Amino acid sequence: MLSEEQLKLISEATLRKTAAIGLKHASENKAYLNKSIKDLRNELQSLPPKPSLVISAGPSLHRHKSIETIKDKGFNGHIIAVDGALGHCLRNGVVPDFVITVDPDPHRIIRWFGDPRLAERPVDDYFKRQDLDPAFRENEVARNAEMIELVNRYGSKIKAIISTSVSSEITRRCLEAGMELYWWNPLYDDYDAPESVTRKIRKLNGVPCMVTGGNVGTSAWVFTHTILKSPEVVLVGMDFSYPPGTDVVNTQYYEHLKEIFPDDPSKGLIFINNPHTGETLCTDPAYYWYNINFLNMAPLASCKTYNCSEGGILFGNGVEFRKLSEVLTSML
């Protein structure tokens, strides 16, 4: 397991990686700012609160056919998809009420929305290695064209919960597809600390800040109980890990592990047993840190959280590990 010092180093490395580009993107996005998550909360305050379903993009989403169960059982609350799960949802007939995006990567993340400039991007094997949406591994050009069509078709029905940290190309893509945008700033660091990046960006744009836990899935969960005021939140595809037998080259942070362990990147993997499933899963330092962040926040949240991923390593105090079909049936 990782020590407190190692977790601190991961946190600091994440800040260094994202802060500069996040500030740059916040400046570029300033011209597009209109409504924020605060406006959305005000728009919904006269309505009775509803439960939320967060569809994240972990491998359990595909392994356990969560979308099929959602369609079969039905769900009458808010549906929030992380950007990496949007394609899987739309291809399978589930149109989320909200899609949330936060990662500042300037080239990769727009692919989840369909990238009009795909042919101009740097050579990148990420989508052939990743497990967030396996459909993207084959025929990238055809899948990208499909995403453009799907997002254009359903965009007007989806509200984008869009971080100021994302590329302005994503902003324009969402607007082009007819999405209504609600902005937020991620909390990069301690707002009260000297030279705080978060405070600098907040002063730049006046947009409210929201805790991310370091990733888009946790950001979606925070959004459900702080903005949507959902009393119950159901999570699917929230793994923070990889299935047994996953090759290190197919992990999300392979490139970083290769930098740290150039001779054998697999040395950076961590193995954790899930007592609910009996599986021993592998994770990497970044996912492990995300998991710790979530479990630190969960007991403090104003909602009841059900992890219905039926896989992964997110279980513990504040998170009830349950079968998706059982929880959705109980909410009918």
Protein backbone atom coordinates (compact mmCIF):
# COMPACT_ATOMS: atom_id res chain seq x y z
CA MET A 1 0.00 0.00 0.00
CA LEU A 2 1.00 3.62 -0.41
CA SER A 3 2.21 5.71 2.50
CA GLU A 4 0.82 9.14 3.39
CA GLU A 5 3.97 10.69 1.96
CA GLN A 6 3.55 8.86 -1.35
CA LEU A 7 -0.11 9.93 -1.56
CA LYS A 8 0.97 13.52 -0.93
CA LEU A 9 3.51 13.26 -3.77
CA ILE A 10 0.79 11.97 -6.13
CA SER A 11 -1.46 14.88 -5.16
CA GLU A 12 1.31 17.40 -5.77
CA ALA A 13 2.20 15.78 -9.11
CA THR A 14 -1.45 15.96 -10.19
CA LEU A 15 -1.56 19.65 -9.30
CA ARG A 16 1.64 20.38 -11.26
CA LYS A 17 0.27 18.51 -14.26
CA THR A 18 -3.13 20.19 -14.38
CA ALA A 19 -2.82 23.64 -12.82
CA ALA A 20 -0.94 25.48 -15.57
CA ILE A 21 -3.01 24.09 -18.42
CA GLY A 22 -6.21 24.48 -16.37
CA LEU A 23 -5.45 28.17 -15.87
CA LYS A 24 -4.75 28.58 -19.58
CA HIS A 25 -8.03 26.89 -20.52
CA ALA A 26 -9.96 28.94 -17.93
CA SER A 27 -8.69 32.10 -19.63
CA GLU A 28 -9.72 30.79 -23.06
CA ASN A 29 -13.14 29.71 -21.80
CA LYS A 30 -13.92 33.06 -20.21
CA ALA A 31 -15.54 34.27 -23.43
CA TYR A 32 -18.07 31.41 -23.28
CA LEU A 33 -19.17 31.76 -19.65
CA ASN A 34 -22.87 32.19 -19.12
CA LYS A 35 -24.62 29.93 -16.62
CA SER A 36 -22.88 28.16 -13.75
CA ILE A 37 -23.73 25.21 -11.51
CA LYS A 38 -25.11 27.77 -9.05
CA ASP A 39 -27.67 28.82 -11.66
CA LEU A 40 -28.62 25.18 -12.17
CA ARG A 41 -29.13 24.71 -8.44
CA ASN A 42 -31.40 27.77 -8.40
CA GLU A 43 -33.37 26.45 -11.37
CA LEU A 44 -34.02 23.16 -9.58
CA GLN A 45 -34.66 24.43 -6.06
CA SER A 46 -38.46 24.59 -6.47
CA LEU A 47 -38.59 20.94 -7.58
CA PRO A 48 -38.65 17.96 -5.18
CA PRO A 49 -35.23 16.27 -4.92
CA LYS A 50 -34.71 13.06 -6.89
CA PRO A 51 -32.13 10.28 -6.65
CA SER A 52 -29.23 10.32 -9.07
CA LEU A 53 -27.50 7.64 -11.11
CA VAL A 54 -23.86 8.30 -11.99
CA ILE A 55 -22.59 6.34 -14.96
CA SER A 56 -18.81 6.26 -14.83
CA ALA A 57 -16.56 4.55 -17.36
CA GLY A 58 -14.83 1.80 -15.41
CA PRO A 59 -14.57 -1.70 -16.93
CA SER A 60 -17.41 -3.04 -14.74
CA LEU A 61 -19.83 -0.95 -16.82
CA HIS A 62 -19.19 -3.32 -19.73
CA ARG A 63 -18.39 -6.50 -17.80
CA HIS A 64 -21.72 -6.43 -15.95
CA LYS A 65 -23.83 -4.86 -18.72
CA SER A 66 -25.00 -2.12 -16.38
CA ILE A 67 -26.72 -0.15 -19.15
CA GLU A 68 -28.93 -3.14 -19.96
CA THR A 69 -29.98 -3.41 -16.31
CA ILE A 70 -30.72 0.33 -16.16
CA LYS A 71 -32.93 0.09 -19.24
CA ASP A 72 -34.64 -3.05 -17.96
CA LYS A 73 -35.38 -1.76 -14.45
CA GLY A 74 -35.95 1.86 -15.33
CA PHE A 75 -34.84 4.86 -13.30
CA ASN A 76 -36.87 7.98 -12.55
CA GLY A 77 -34.11 10.18 -11.17
CA HIS A 78 -31.30 12.24 -12.67
CA ILE A 79 -28.84 10.39 -14.92
CA ILE A 80 -25.32 11.79 -15.02
CA ALA A 81 -22.70 10.36 -17.38
CA VAL A 82 -19.01 11.10 -17.16
CA ASP A 83 -17.57 12.14 -20.52
CA GLY A 84 -15.88 8.76 -21.11
CA ALA A 85 -19.20 6.92 -20.66
CA LEU A 86 -21.24 9.18 -22.94
CA GLY A 87 -20.67 7.14 -26.10
CA HIS A 88 -21.58 3.85 -24.43
CA CYS A 89 -24.78 5.41 -23.11
CA LEU A 90 -25.88 6.93 -26.41
CA ARG A 91 -25.03 3.85 -28.49
CA ASN A 92 -27.20 1.78 -26.17
CA GLY A 93 -30.23 4.04 -26.00
CA VAL A 94 -29.64 5.86 -22.69
CA VAL A 95 -29.58 9.65 -23.03
CA PRO A 96 -28.24 11.16 -19.80
CA ASP A 97 -29.67 14.36 -18.36
CA PHE A 98 -26.14 15.61 -17.70
CA VAL A 99 -22.63 14.91 -18.95
CA ILE A 100 -19.70 16.08 -16.82
CA THR A 101 -16.19 16.85 -18.03
CA VAL A 102 -13.09 18.17 -16.24
CA ASP A 103 -9.83 16.72 -17.64
CA PRO A 104 -7.68 19.48 -19.23
CA ASP A 105 -5.99 17.20 -21.78
CA PRO A 106 -5.95 19.26 -25.01
CA HIS A 107 -6.37 16.39 -27.50
CA ARG A 108 -7.87 13.24 -25.98
CA ILE A 109 -10.98 14.29 -24.08
CA ILE A 110 -12.77 15.85 -27.02
CA ARG A 111 -12.92 12.37 -28.56
CA TRP A 112 -15.65 11.48 -26.07
CA PHE A 113 -17.80 14.13 -27.76
CA GLY A 114 -16.70 13.35 -31.32
CA ASP A 115 -13.62 15.17 -32.57
CA PRO A 116 -14.07 17.20 -35.80
CA ARG A 117 -10.27 17.57 -36.02
CA LEU A 118 -9.29 13.95 -35.41
CA ALA A 119 -7.08 13.75 -38.52
CA GLU A 120 -4.99 16.69 -37.26
CA ARG A 121 -4.21 15.24 -33.81
CA PRO A 122 -0.79 13.92 -32.77
CA VAL A 123 -0.24 10.17 -33.19
CA ASP A 124 -1.57 8.55 -30.01
CA ASP A 125 -2.25 4.91 -29.16
CA TYR A 126 -4.26 5.79 -26.04
CA PHE A 127 -7.65 4.84 -27.45
CA LYS A 128 -6.34 1.49 -28.65
CA ARG A 129 -5.07 0.70 -25.13
CA GLN A 130 -7.72 2.21 -22.85
CA ASP A 131 -10.60 0.32 -21.20
CA LEU A 132 -13.00 3.24 -20.64
CA ASP A 133 -14.88 2.53 -23.85
CA PRO A 134 -13.62 -0.62 -25.59
CA ALA A 135 -15.60 0.28 -28.72
CA PHE A 136 -13.02 2.99 -29.40
CA ARG A 137 -10.24 0.42 -29.82
CA GLU A 138 -11.38 -0.59 -33.30
CA ASN A 139 -11.65 1.64 -36.36
CA GLU A 140 -11.08 4.95 -34.62
CA VAL A 141 -12.16 7.03 -37.61
CA ALA A 142 -15.52 5.26 -37.90
CA ARG A 143 -16.16 5.41 -34.15
CA ASN A 144 -15.31 9.09 -34.09
CA ALA A 145 -17.75 9.79 -36.92
CA GLU A 146 -20.38 7.83 -35.00
CA MET A 147 -19.76 9.93 -31.87
CA ILE A 148 -20.10 13.17 -33.82
CA GLU A 149 -23.45 11.98 -35.17
CA LEU A 150 -24.76 10.72 -31.82
CA VAL A 151 -23.74 13.81 -29.86
CA ASN A 152 -25.22 16.07 -32.54
CA ARG A 153 -28.46 14.07 -32.46
CA TYR A 154 -28.93 14.08 -28.68
CA GLY A 155 -26.95 17.12 -27.57
CA SER A 156 -29.96 19.39 -27.14
CA LYS A 157 -31.33 16.95 -24.53
CA ILE A 158 -28.14 16.94 -22.44
CA LYS A 159 -26.84 19.61 -20.07
CA ALA A 160 -23.04 19.85 -19.94
CA ILE A 161 -21.57 20.28 -16.46
CA ILE A 162 -18.39 21.72 -17.85
CA SER A 163 -15.25 22.65 -15.95
CA THR A 164 -13.35 25.77 -16.91
CA SER A 165 -10.27 23.53 -17.05
CA VAL A 166 -11.29 21.78 -20.28
CA SER A 167 -10.08 22.73 -23.73
CA SER A 168 -12.13 25.46 -25.40
CA GLU A 169 -12.48 23.03 -28.31
CA ILE A 170 -14.71 20.92 -26.06
CA THR A 171 -16.68 24.06 -25.20
CA ARG A 172 -17.31 24.80 -28.87
CA ARG A 173 -18.11 21.16 -29.59
CA CYS A 174 -20.77 21.07 -26.84
CA LEU A 175 -22.28 24.33 -28.07
CA GLU A 176 -22.26 23.08 -31.65
CA ALA A 177 -24.21 19.99 -30.52
CA GLY A 178 -26.83 22.15 -28.80
CA MET A 179 -25.91 21.41 -25.20
CA GLU A 180 -26.73 23.91 -22.46
CA LEU A 181 -23.54 24.63 -20.51
CA TYR A 182 -23.23 25.02 -16.73
CA TRP A 183 -19.74 26.02 -15.62
CA TRP A 184 -17.64 25.27 -12.54
CA ASN A 185 -14.04 25.57 -11.38
CA PRO A 186 -12.21 22.55 -9.94
CA LEU A 187 -10.56 22.93 -6.56
CA TYR A 188 -6.91 22.48 -7.54
CA ASP A 189 -5.48 23.28 -4.12
CA ASP A 190 -6.16 24.99 -0.79
CA TYR A 191 -8.08 28.18 -1.63
CA ASP A 192 -6.56 29.96 1.38
CA ALA A 193 -2.96 28.97 0.63
CA PRO A 194 -0.49 31.57 -0.62
CA GLU A 195 -0.38 31.67 -4.44
CA SER A 196 -3.45 29.43 -4.65
CA VAL A 197 -4.20 28.44 -8.25
CA THR A 198 -7.86 27.93 -7.34
CA ARG A 199 -8.20 31.45 -5.94
CA LYS A 200 -6.46 32.90 -8.99
CA ILE A 201 -8.92 31.19 -11.36
CA ARG A 202 -11.93 32.08 -9.19
CA LYS A 203 -10.85 35.72 -9.30
CA LEU A 204 -10.44 35.46 -13.07
CA ASN A 205 -13.95 34.20 -13.83
CA GLY A 206 -16.13 34.35 -10.72
CA VAL A 207 -17.38 30.80 -11.33
CA PRO A 208 -18.17 28.65 -8.24
CA CYS A 209 -15.73 25.90 -7.29
CA MET A 210 -16.40 22.23 -6.71
CA VAL A 211 -14.33 19.41 -5.22
CA THR A 212 -13.22 16.82 -7.79
CA GLY A 213 -11.48 14.11 -5.78
CA GLY A 214 -8.93 14.21 -8.62
CA ASN A 215 -11.18 12.65 -11.29
CA VAL A 216 -14.38 13.08 -13.27
CA GLY A 217 -16.28 10.22 -11.61
CA THR A 218 -15.93 11.66 -8.13
CA SER A 219 -16.73 15.11 -9.53
CA ALA A 220 -20.02 13.69 -10.84
CA TRP A 221 -20.84 12.26 -7.42
CA VAL A 222 -20.08 15.59 -5.71
CA PHE A 223 -22.31 17.35 -8.24
CA THR A 224 -25.26 15.05 -7.44
CA HIS A 225 -25.48 15.85 -3.75
CA THR A 226 -24.21 19.44 -3.70
CA ILE A 227 -26.02 20.82 -6.76
CA LEU A 228 -28.84 18.37 -7.53
CA LYS A 229 -29.42 17.75 -3.79
CA SER A 230 -30.05 14.07 -4.40
CA PRO A 231 -30.76 12.13 -1.20
CA GLU A 232 -29.62 8.86 -2.80
CA VAL A 233 -26.87 8.34 -5.37
CA VAL A 234 -26.31 5.13 -7.33
CA LEU A 235 -22.89 4.57 -8.91
CA VAL A 236 -22.08 2.25 -11.81
CA GLY A 237 -18.74 1.86 -13.56
CA MET A 238 -16.95 3.40 -10.57
CA ASP A 239 -14.09 0.91 -10.28
CA PHE A 240 -10.83 2.77 -9.61
CA SER A 241 -9.18 -0.48 -10.66
CA TYR A 242 -8.77 -3.01 -13.46
CA PRO A 243 -10.14 -6.56 -13.86
CA PRO A 244 -7.91 -9.53 -12.98
CA GLY A 245 -5.42 -10.27 -15.73
CA THR A 246 -5.28 -6.72 -17.12
CA ASP A 247 -1.92 -6.06 -18.77
CA VAL A 248 -0.15 -2.98 -17.41
CA VAL A 249 -0.06 -1.51 -20.94
CA ASN A 250 -3.88 -1.33 -20.86
CA THR A 251 -4.06 0.68 -17.64
CA GLN A 252 -5.02 4.35 -17.68
CA TYR A 253 -1.74 5.55 -16.21
CA TYR A 254 0.62 3.25 -18.08
CA GLU A 255 2.62 6.19 -19.44
CA HIS A 256 3.26 7.46 -15.90
CA LEU A 257 4.17 4.02 -14.57
CA LYS A 258 6.61 3.65 -17.46
CA GLU A 259 8.32 6.88 -16.38
CA ILE A 260 8.61 5.72 -12.77
CA PHE A 261 9.48 2.07 -13.50
CA PRO A 262 11.06 2.08 -16.99
CA ASP A 263 12.34 -1.50 -16.68
CA ASP A 264 9.04 -2.97 -15.51
CA PRO A 265 5.97 -0.65 -15.25
CA SER A 266 3.97 -3.47 -13.65
CA LYS A 267 5.97 -2.90 -10.44
CA GLY A 268 3.74 0.14 -9.85
CA LEU A 269 0.53 -1.90 -9.71
CA ILE A 270 -1.26 -2.50 -6.40
CA PHE A 271 -3.45 -5.56 -5.75
CA ILE A 272 -6.59 -5.34 -3.61
CA ASN A 273 -9.15 -8.00 -2.72
CA ASN A 274 -12.83 -7.08 -2.94
CA PRO A 275 -14.60 -9.18 -0.28
CA HIS A 276 -17.99 -8.54 -1.89
CA THR A 277 -17.02 -10.17 -5.18
CA GLY A 278 -14.10 -12.37 -4.13
CA GLU A 279 -11.94 -10.87 -6.88
CA THR A 280 -8.41 -9.58 -6.48
CA LEU A 281 -8.11 -6.50 -8.64
CA CYS A 282 -5.12 -4.43 -9.66
CA THR A 283 -4.97 -0.68 -9.44
CA ASP A 284 -2.31 1.96 -9.95
CA PRO A 285 -1.16 4.76 -7.62
CA ALA A 286 -3.44 7.39 -9.20
CA TYR A 287 -6.59 5.26 -9.03
CA TYR A 288 -5.66 4.17 -5.51
CA TRP A 289 -5.41 7.83 -4.50
CA TYR A 290 -8.79 8.60 -6.10
CA ASN A 291 -10.33 5.74 -4.14
CA ILE A 292 -8.89 7.03 -0.86
CA ASN A 293 -10.21 10.53 -1.63
CA PHE A 294 -13.71 9.21 -2.28
CA LEU A 295 -13.79 7.13 0.90
CA ASN A 296 -12.61 10.14 2.91
CA MET A 297 -15.47 12.25 1.53
CA ALA A 298 -18.30 9.70 1.48
CA PRO A 299 -19.10 9.69 5.23
CA LEU A 300 -19.36 13.50 5.15
CA ALA A 301 -21.79 13.67 2.21
CA SER A 302 -25.45 14.61 2.57
CA CYS A 303 -26.57 11.62 0.48
CA LYS A 304 -26.68 7.86 0.78
CA THR A 305 -24.23 6.34 -1.70
CA TYR A 306 -24.73 2.94 -3.32
CA ASN A 307 -21.86 1.55 -5.35
CA CYS A 308 -23.65 -0.76 -7.79
CA SER A 309 -20.66 -1.24 -10.08
CA GLU A 310 -20.50 -4.87 -8.88
CA GLY A 311 -16.74 -4.70 -9.26
CA GLY A 312 -13.76 -2.52 -8.46
CA ILE A 313 -12.31 -1.38 -5.14
CA LEU A 314 -14.73 1.35 -4.01
CA PHE A 315 -16.23 -0.03 -0.80
CA GLY A 316 -16.03 1.02 2.83
CA ASN A 317 -17.43 3.56 5.27
CA GLY A 318 -20.07 5.73 3.59
CA VAL A 319 -20.39 3.52 0.49
CA GLU A 320 -22.89 0.66 0.44
CA PHE A 321 -21.80 -2.03 -2.05
CA ARG A 322 -24.98 -3.45 -3.63
CA LYS A 323 -26.31 -5.18 -6.75
CA LEU A 324 -27.64 -2.73 -9.30
CA SER A 325 -30.85 -4.65 -10.02
CA GLU A 326 -31.73 -4.77 -6.31
CA VAL A 327 -31.21 -1.07 -5.70
CA LEU A 328 -33.08 0.05 -8.83
CA THR A 329 -35.97 -2.29 -8.01
CA SER A 330 -36.19 -0.78 -4.52
CA MET A 331 -36.45 2.71 -6.04
CA LEU A 332 -39.40 1.88 -8.33
